[in-house]
Amino acid sequence: MNSEKAKYLAENMELRSRTDRLWLNNPVIMQG
């Protein structure tokens, strides 16, 4: 992972954590 991509992901991690239903906010794993 290059630094620019990592920086972009880090800056947008909170948004992705709310909207990514497949991985970061899976309906079973994170919401029960």
ModelCIF file with pLDDT and N, C-alpha, C, O atoms, coordinates in Angstrom:
data_MODEL
#
_entry.id   MODEL 
#
_entity.id                         1 
_entity.type                       polymer 
_entity.pdbx_number_of_molecules   1 
#
_entity_poly.entity_id                      1 
_entity_poly.type                           'polypeptide(L)' 
_entity_poly.nstd_linkage                   no 
_entity_poly.nstd_monomer                   no 
_entity_poly.pdbx_seq_one_letter_code       MNSEKAKYLAENMELRSRTDRLWLNNPVIMQG 
_entity_poly.pdbx_seq_one_letter_code_can   MNSEKAKYLAENMELRSRTDRLWLNNPVIMQG 
_entity_poly.pdbx_strand_id                 A 
#
loop_
_entity_poly_seq.entity_id 
_entity_poly_seq.num 
_entity_poly_seq.mon_id 
_entity_poly_seq.hetero 
1 1  MET n 
1 2  ASN n 
1 3  SER n 
1 4  GLU n 
1 5  LYS n 
1 6  ALA n 
1 7  LYS n 
1 8  TYR n 
1 9  LEU n 
1 10 ALA n 
1 11 GLU n 
1 12 ASN n 
1 13 MET n 
1 14 GLU n 
1 15 LEU n 
1 16 ARG n 
1 17 SER n 
1 18 ARG n 
1 19 THR n 
1 20 ASP n 
1 21 ARG n 
1 22 LEU n 
1 23 TRP n 
1 24 LEU n 
1 25 ASN n 
1 26 ASN n 
1 27 PRO n 
1 28 VAL n 
1 29 ILE n 
1 30 MET n 
1 31 GLN n 
1 32 GLY n 
#
_struct_asym.id          A 
_struct_asym.entity_id   1 
#
loop_
_ma_qa_metric.id 
_ma_qa_metric.mode 
_ma_qa_metric.name 
_ma_qa_metric.software_group_id 
_ma_qa_metric.type 
1 global pLDDT . pLDDT 
2 local  pLDDT . pLDDT 
#
_ma_qa_metric_global.metric_id      1 
_ma_qa_metric_global.metric_value   87.09 
_ma_qa_metric_global.model_id       1 
_ma_qa_metric_global.ordinal_id     1 
#
loop_
_ma_qa_metric_local.label_asym_id 
_ma_qa_metric_local.label_comp_id 
_ma_qa_metric_local.label_seq_id 
_ma_qa_metric_local.metric_id 
_ma_qa_metric_local.metric_value 
_ma_qa_metric_local.model_id 
_ma_qa_metric_local.ordinal_id 
A MET 1  2 66.00 1 1  
A ASN 2  2 72.00 1 2  
A SER 3  2 75.00 1 3  
A GLU 4  2 81.00 1 4  
A LYS 5  2 85.00 1 5  
A ALA 6  2 83.00 1 6  
A LYS 7  2 84.00 1 7  
A TYR 8  2 85.00 1 8  
A LEU 9  2 87.00 1 9  
A ALA 10 2 87.00 1 10 
A GLU 11 2 88.00 1 11 
A ASN 12 2 88.00 1 12 
A MET 13 2 90.00 1 13 
A GLU 14 2 90.00 1 14 
A LEU 15 2 88.00 1 15 
A ARG 16 2 88.00 1 16 
A SER 17 2 88.00 1 17 
A ARG 18 2 85.00 1 18 
A THR 19 2 86.00 1 19 
A ASP 20 2 91.00 1 20 
A ARG 21 2 89.00 1 21 
A LEU 22 2 89.00 1 22 
A TRP 23 2 91.00 1 23 
A LEU 24 2 93.00 1 24 
A ASN 25 2 93.00 1 25 
A ASN 26 2 95.00 1 26 
A PRO 27 2 92.00 1 27 
A VAL 28 2 93.00 1 28 
A ILE 29 2 94.00 1 29 
A MET 30 2 92.00 1 30 
A GLN 31 2 88.00 1 31 
A GLY 32 2 91.00 1 32 
#
loop_
_atom_site.group_PDB 
_atom_site.id 
_atom_site.type_symbol 
_atom_site.label_atom_id 
_atom_site.label_alt_id 
_atom_site.label_comp_id 
_atom_site.label_asym_id 
_atom_site.label_entity_id 
_atom_site.label_seq_id 
_atom_site.pdbx_PDB_ins_code 
_atom_site.Cartn_x 
_atom_site.Cartn_y 
_atom_site.Cartn_z 
_atom_site.occupancy 
_atom_site.B_iso_or_equiv 
_atom_site.pdbx_formal_charge 
_atom_site.auth_seq_id 
_atom_site.auth_comp_id 
_atom_site.auth_asym_id 
_atom_site.auth_atom_id 
_atom_site.pdbx_PDB_model_num 
ATOM 1   N N  . MET A 1 1  ? 0.846   -1.196 0.000  1.00 66.00 ? 1  MET A N  1 
ATOM 2   C CA . MET A 1 1  ? 0.000   0.000  0.000  1.00 66.00 ? 1  MET A CA 1 
ATOM 3   C C  . MET A 1 1  ? 0.881   1.245  0.000  1.00 66.00 ? 1  MET A C  1 
ATOM 4   O O  . MET A 1 1  ? 1.710   1.413  0.894  1.00 66.00 ? 1  MET A O  1 
ATOM 5   N N  . ASN A 1 2  ? 0.712   2.127  -0.997 1.00 72.00 ? 2  ASN A N  1 
ATOM 6   C CA . ASN A 1 2  ? 1.528   3.337  -1.031 1.00 72.00 ? 2  ASN A CA 1 
ATOM 7   C C  . ASN A 1 2  ? 1.021   4.353  -0.022 1.00 72.00 ? 2  ASN A C  1 
ATOM 8   O O  . ASN A 1 2  ? -0.107  4.259  0.463  1.00 72.00 ? 2  ASN A O  1 
ATOM 9   N N  . SER A 1 3  ? 1.859   5.316  0.283  1.00 75.00 ? 3  SER A N  1 
ATOM 10  C CA . SER A 1 3  ? 1.557   6.268  1.360  1.00 75.00 ? 3  SER A CA 1 
ATOM 11  C C  . SER A 1 3  ? 0.355   7.153  1.047  1.00 75.00 ? 3  SER A C  1 
ATOM 12  O O  . SER A 1 3  ? -0.420  7.489  1.942  1.00 75.00 ? 3  SER A O  1 
ATOM 13  N N  . GLU A 1 4  ? 0.196   7.534  -0.229 1.00 81.00 ? 4  GLU A N  1 
ATOM 14  C CA . GLU A 1 4  ? -0.931  8.397  -0.591 1.00 81.00 ? 4  GLU A CA 1 
ATOM 15  C C  . GLU A 1 4  ? -2.263  7.672  -0.398 1.00 81.00 ? 4  GLU A C  1 
ATOM 16  O O  . GLU A 1 4  ? -3.224  8.248  0.112  1.00 81.00 ? 4  GLU A O  1 
ATOM 17  N N  . LYS A 1 5  ? -2.310  6.411  -0.808 1.00 85.00 ? 5  LYS A N  1 
ATOM 18  C CA . LYS A 1 5  ? -3.534  5.631  -0.621 1.00 85.00 ? 5  LYS A CA 1 
ATOM 19  C C  . LYS A 1 5  ? -3.815  5.423  0.857  1.00 85.00 ? 5  LYS A C  1 
ATOM 20  O O  . LYS A 1 5  ? -4.961  5.520  1.296  1.00 85.00 ? 5  LYS A O  1 
ATOM 21  N N  . ALA A 1 6  ? -2.757  5.134  1.637  1.00 83.00 ? 6  ALA A N  1 
ATOM 22  C CA . ALA A 1 6  ? -2.926  4.938  3.077  1.00 83.00 ? 6  ALA A CA 1 
ATOM 23  C C  . ALA A 1 6  ? -3.427  6.215  3.741  1.00 83.00 ? 6  ALA A C  1 
ATOM 24  O O  . ALA A 1 6  ? -4.282  6.159  4.625  1.00 83.00 ? 6  ALA A O  1 
ATOM 25  N N  . LYS A 1 7  ? -2.901  7.364  3.323  1.00 84.00 ? 7  LYS A N  1 
ATOM 26  C CA . LYS A 1 7  ? -3.337  8.637  3.892  1.00 84.00 ? 7  LYS A CA 1 
ATOM 27  C C  . LYS A 1 7  ? -4.798  8.903  3.577  1.00 84.00 ? 7  LYS A C  1 
ATOM 28  O O  . LYS A 1 7  ? -5.553  9.364  4.433  1.00 84.00 ? 7  LYS A O  1 
ATOM 29  N N  . TYR A 1 8  ? -5.199  8.608  2.331  1.00 85.00 ? 8  TYR A N  1 
ATOM 30  C CA . TYR A 1 8  ? -6.599  8.800  1.937  1.00 85.00 ? 8  TYR A CA 1 
ATOM 31  C C  . TYR A 1 8  ? -7.515  7.892  2.749  1.00 85.00 ? 8  TYR A C  1 
ATOM 32  O O  . TYR A 1 8  ? -8.562  8.329  3.228  1.00 85.00 ? 8  TYR A O  1 
ATOM 33  N N  . LEU A 1 9  ? -7.121  6.619  2.905  1.00 87.00 ? 9  LEU A N  1 
ATOM 34  C CA . LEU A 1 9  ? -7.941  5.678  3.674  1.00 87.00 ? 9  LEU A CA 1 
ATOM 35  C C  . LEU A 1 9  ? -8.031  6.097  5.132  1.00 87.00 ? 9  LEU A C  1 
ATOM 36  O O  . LEU A 1 9  ? -9.098  6.003  5.738  1.00 87.00 ? 9  LEU A O  1 
ATOM 37  N N  . ALA A 1 10 ? -6.916  6.562  5.705  1.00 87.00 ? 10 ALA A N  1 
ATOM 38  C CA . ALA A 1 10 ? -6.909  6.979  7.110  1.00 87.00 ? 10 ALA A CA 1 
ATOM 39  C C  . ALA A 1 10 ? -7.813  8.182  7.331  1.00 87.00 ? 10 ALA A C  1 
ATOM 40  O O  . ALA A 1 10 ? -8.527  8.250  8.332  1.00 87.00 ? 10 ALA A O  1 
ATOM 41  N N  . GLU A 1 11 ? -7.787  9.128  6.403  1.00 88.00 ? 11 GLU A N  1 
ATOM 42  C CA . GLU A 1 11 ? -8.599  10.335 6.541  1.00 88.00 ? 11 GLU A CA 1 
ATOM 43  C C  . GLU A 1 11 ? -10.089 10.043 6.386  1.00 88.00 ? 11 GLU A C  1 
ATOM 44  O O  . GLU A 1 11 ? -10.924 10.762 6.935  1.00 88.00 ? 11 GLU A O  1 
ATOM 45  N N  . ASN A 1 12 ? -10.422 9.003  5.649  1.00 88.00 ? 12 ASN A N  1 
ATOM 46  C CA . ASN A 1 12 ? -11.819 8.674  5.390  1.00 88.00 ? 12 ASN A CA 1 
ATOM 47  C C  . ASN A 1 12 ? -12.276 7.406  6.120  1.00 88.00 ? 12 ASN A C  1 
ATOM 48  O O  . ASN A 1 12 ? -13.329 6.850  5.808  1.00 88.00 ? 12 ASN A O  1 
ATOM 49  N N  . MET A 1 13 ? -11.479 6.957  7.089  1.00 90.00 ? 13 MET A N  1 
ATOM 50  C CA . MET A 1 13 ? -11.782 5.701  7.767  1.00 90.00 ? 13 MET A CA 1 
ATOM 51  C C  . MET A 1 13 ? -13.100 5.772  8.547  1.00 90.00 ? 13 MET A C  1 
ATOM 52  O O  . MET A 1 13 ? -13.863 4.806  8.566  1.00 90.00 ? 13 MET A O  1 
ATOM 53  N N  . GLU A 1 14 ? -13.364 6.907  9.187  1.00 90.00 ? 14 GLU A N  1 
ATOM 54  C CA . GLU A 1 14 ? -14.597 7.023  9.974  1.00 90.00 ? 14 GLU A CA 1 
ATOM 55  C C  . GLU A 1 14 ? -15.827 6.914  9.093  1.00 90.00 ? 14 GLU A C  1 
ATOM 56  O O  . GLU A 1 14 ? -16.797 6.245  9.448  1.00 90.00 ? 14 GLU A O  1 
ATOM 57  N N  . LEU A 1 15 ? -15.785 7.582  7.929  1.00 88.00 ? 15 LEU A N  1 
ATOM 58  C CA . LEU A 1 15 ? -16.913 7.508  6.997  1.00 88.00 ? 15 LEU A CA 1 
ATOM 59  C C  . LEU A 1 15 ? -17.076 6.093  6.473  1.00 88.00 ? 15 LEU A C  1 
ATOM 60  O O  . LEU A 1 15 ? -18.194 5.583  6.411  1.00 88.00 ? 15 LEU A O  1 
ATOM 61  N N  . ARG A 1 16 ? -15.977 5.450  6.094  1.00 88.00 ? 16 ARG A N  1 
ATOM 62  C CA . ARG A 1 16 ? -16.043 4.091  5.585  1.00 88.00 ? 16 ARG A CA 1 
ATOM 63  C C  . ARG A 1 16 ? -16.529 3.119  6.664  1.00 88.00 ? 16 ARG A C  1 
ATOM 64  O O  . ARG A 1 16 ? -17.215 2.141  6.367  1.00 88.00 ? 16 ARG A O  1 
ATOM 65  N N  . SER A 1 17 ? -16.169 3.398  7.908  1.00 88.00 ? 17 SER A N  1 
ATOM 66  C CA . SER A 1 17 ? -16.594 2.527  9.002  1.00 88.00 ? 17 SER A CA 1 
ATOM 67  C C  . SER A 1 17 ? -18.101 2.585  9.226  1.00 88.00 ? 17 SER A C  1 
ATOM 68  O O  . SER A 1 17 ? -18.686 1.648  9.769  1.00 88.00 ? 17 SER A O  1 
ATOM 69  N N  . ARG A 1 18 ? -18.730 3.682  8.809  1.00 85.00 ? 18 ARG A N  1 
ATOM 70  C CA . ARG A 1 18 ? -20.185 3.807  8.949  1.00 85.00 ? 18 ARG A CA 1 
ATOM 71  C C  . ARG A 1 18 ? -20.927 3.257  7.749  1.00 85.00 ? 18 ARG A C  1 
ATOM 72  O O  . ARG A 1 18 ? -22.065 2.806  7.879  1.00 85.00 ? 18 ARG A O  1 
ATOM 73  N N  . THR A 1 19 ? -20.303 3.285  6.585  1.00 86.00 ? 19 THR A N  1 
ATOM 74  C CA . THR A 1 19 ? -21.033 2.972  5.356  1.00 86.00 ? 19 THR A CA 1 
ATOM 75  C C  . THR A 1 19 ? -20.674 1.629  4.722  1.00 86.00 ? 19 THR A C  1 
ATOM 76  O O  . THR A 1 19 ? -21.444 1.114  3.911  1.00 86.00 ? 19 THR A O  1 
ATOM 77  N N  . ASP A 1 20 ? -19.538 1.059  5.070  1.00 91.00 ? 20 ASP A N  1 
ATOM 78  C CA . ASP A 1 20 ? -19.091 -0.187 4.440  1.00 91.00 ? 20 ASP A CA 1 
ATOM 79  C C  . ASP A 1 20 ? -19.795 -1.380 5.074  1.00 91.00 ? 20 ASP A C  1 
ATOM 80  O O  . ASP A 1 20 ? -19.349 -1.882 6.105  1.00 91.00 ? 20 ASP A O  1 
ATOM 81  N N  . ARG A 1 21 ? -20.901 -1.845 4.464  1.00 89.00 ? 21 ARG A N  1 
ATOM 82  C CA . ARG A 1 21 ? -21.687 -2.938 5.027  1.00 89.00 ? 21 ARG A CA 1 
ATOM 83  C C  . ARG A 1 21 ? -21.057 -4.318 4.807  1.00 89.00 ? 21 ARG A C  1 
ATOM 84  O O  . ARG A 1 21 ? -21.467 -5.297 5.431  1.00 89.00 ? 21 ARG A O  1 
ATOM 85  N N  . LEU A 1 22 ? -20.071 -4.391 3.930  1.00 89.00 ? 22 LEU A N  1 
ATOM 86  C CA . LEU A 1 22 ? -19.453 -5.684 3.651  1.00 89.00 ? 22 LEU A CA 1 
ATOM 87  C C  . LEU A 1 22 ? -18.382 -6.048 4.671  1.00 89.00 ? 22 LEU A C  1 
ATOM 88  O O  . LEU A 1 22 ? -18.291 -7.202 5.090  1.00 89.00 ? 22 LEU A O  1 
ATOM 89  N N  . TRP A 1 23 ? -17.587 -5.091 5.067  1.00 91.00 ? 23 TRP A N  1 
ATOM 90  C CA . TRP A 1 23 ? -16.384 -5.385 5.830  1.00 91.00 ? 23 TRP A CA 1 
ATOM 91  C C  . TRP A 1 23 ? -16.305 -4.606 7.138  1.00 91.00 ? 23 TRP A C  1 
ATOM 92  O O  . TRP A 1 23 ? -16.340 -5.206 8.213  1.00 91.00 ? 23 TRP A O  1 
ATOM 93  N N  . LEU A 1 24 ? -16.201 -3.285 7.066  1.00 93.00 ? 24 LEU A N  1 
ATOM 94  C CA . LEU A 1 24 ? -15.966 -2.483 8.261  1.00 93.00 ? 24 LEU A CA 1 
ATOM 95  C C  . LEU A 1 24 ? -17.217 -2.291 9.113  1.00 93.00 ? 24 LEU A C  1 
ATOM 96  O O  . LEU A 1 24 ? -17.108 -2.054 10.316 1.00 93.00 ? 24 LEU A O  1 
ATOM 97  N N  . ASN A 1 25 ? -18.391 -2.388 8.519  1.00 93.00 ? 25 ASN A N  1 
ATOM 98  C CA . ASN A 1 25 ? -19.633 -2.212 9.272  1.00 93.00 ? 25 ASN A CA 1 
ATOM 99  C C  . ASN A 1 25 ? -20.623 -3.303 8.900  1.00 93.00 ? 25 ASN A C  1 
ATOM 100 O O  . ASN A 1 25 ? -21.791 -3.031 8.626  1.00 93.00 ? 25 ASN A O  1 
ATOM 101 N N  . ASN A 1 26 ? -20.141 -4.543 8.895  1.00 95.00 ? 26 ASN A N  1 
ATOM 102 C CA . ASN A 1 26 ? -20.990 -5.683 8.561  1.00 95.00 ? 26 ASN A CA 1 
ATOM 103 C C  . ASN A 1 26 ? -22.185 -5.741 9.514  1.00 95.00 ? 26 ASN A C  1 
ATOM 104 O O  . ASN A 1 26 ? -22.000 -5.573 10.719 1.00 95.00 ? 26 ASN A O  1 
ATOM 105 N N  . PRO A 1 27 ? -23.407 -5.973 9.013  1.00 92.00 ? 27 PRO A N  1 
ATOM 106 C CA . PRO A 1 27 ? -24.602 -5.920 9.865  1.00 92.00 ? 27 PRO A CA 1 
ATOM 107 C C  . PRO A 1 27 ? -24.605 -6.927 11.009 1.00 92.00 ? 27 PRO A C  1 
ATOM 108 O O  . PRO A 1 27 ? -25.224 -6.677 12.044 1.00 92.00 ? 27 PRO A O  1 
ATOM 109 N N  . VAL A 1 28 ? -23.936 -8.047 10.845 1.00 93.00 ? 28 VAL A N  1 
ATOM 110 C CA . VAL A 1 28 ? -23.869 -9.039 11.922 1.00 93.00 ? 28 VAL A CA 1 
ATOM 111 C C  . VAL A 1 28 ? -22.713 -8.731 12.860 1.00 93.00 ? 28 VAL A C  1 
ATOM 112 O O  . VAL A 1 28 ? -22.896 -8.665 14.076 1.00 93.00 ? 28 VAL A O  1 
ATOM 113 N N  . ILE A 1 29 ? -21.539 -8.543 12.307 1.00 94.00 ? 29 ILE A N  1 
ATOM 114 C CA . ILE A 1 29 ? -20.321 -8.392 13.099 1.00 94.00 ? 29 ILE A CA 1 
ATOM 115 C C  . ILE A 1 29 ? -20.343 -7.133 13.952 1.00 94.00 ? 29 ILE A C  1 
ATOM 116 O O  . ILE A 1 29 ? -19.978 -7.177 15.127 1.00 94.00 ? 29 ILE A O  1 
ATOM 117 N N  . MET A 1 30 ? -20.764 -6.017 13.378 1.00 92.00 ? 30 MET A N  1 
ATOM 118 C CA . MET A 1 30 ? -20.671 -4.746 14.070 1.00 92.00 ? 30 MET A CA 1 
ATOM 119 C C  . MET A 1 30 ? -21.988 -4.275 14.670 1.00 92.00 ? 30 MET A C  1 
ATOM 120 O O  . MET A 1 30 ? -21.978 -3.450 15.584 1.00 92.00 ? 30 MET A O  1 
ATOM 121 N N  . GLN A 1 31 ? -23.134 -4.780 14.177 1.00 88.00 ? 31 GLN A N  1 
ATOM 122 C CA . GLN A 1 31 ? -24.422 -4.299 14.660 1.00 88.00 ? 31 GLN A CA 1 
ATOM 123 C C  . GLN A 1 31 ? -25.261 -5.382 15.326 1.00 88.00 ? 31 GLN A C  1 
ATOM 124 O O  . GLN A 1 31 ? -26.265 -5.079 15.971 1.00 88.00 ? 31 GLN A O  1 
ATOM 125 N N  . GLY A 1 32 ? -24.862 -6.632 15.177 1.00 91.00 ? 32 GLY A N  1 
ATOM 126 C CA . GLY A 1 32 ? -25.591 -7.724 15.822 1.00 91.00 ? 32 GLY A CA 1 
ATOM 127 C C  . GLY A 1 32 ? -26.963 -7.984 15.248 1.00 91.00 ? 32 GLY A C  1 
ATOM 128 O O  . GLY A 1 32 ? -27.667 -8.880 15.713 1.00 91.00 ? 32 GLY A O  1 
#
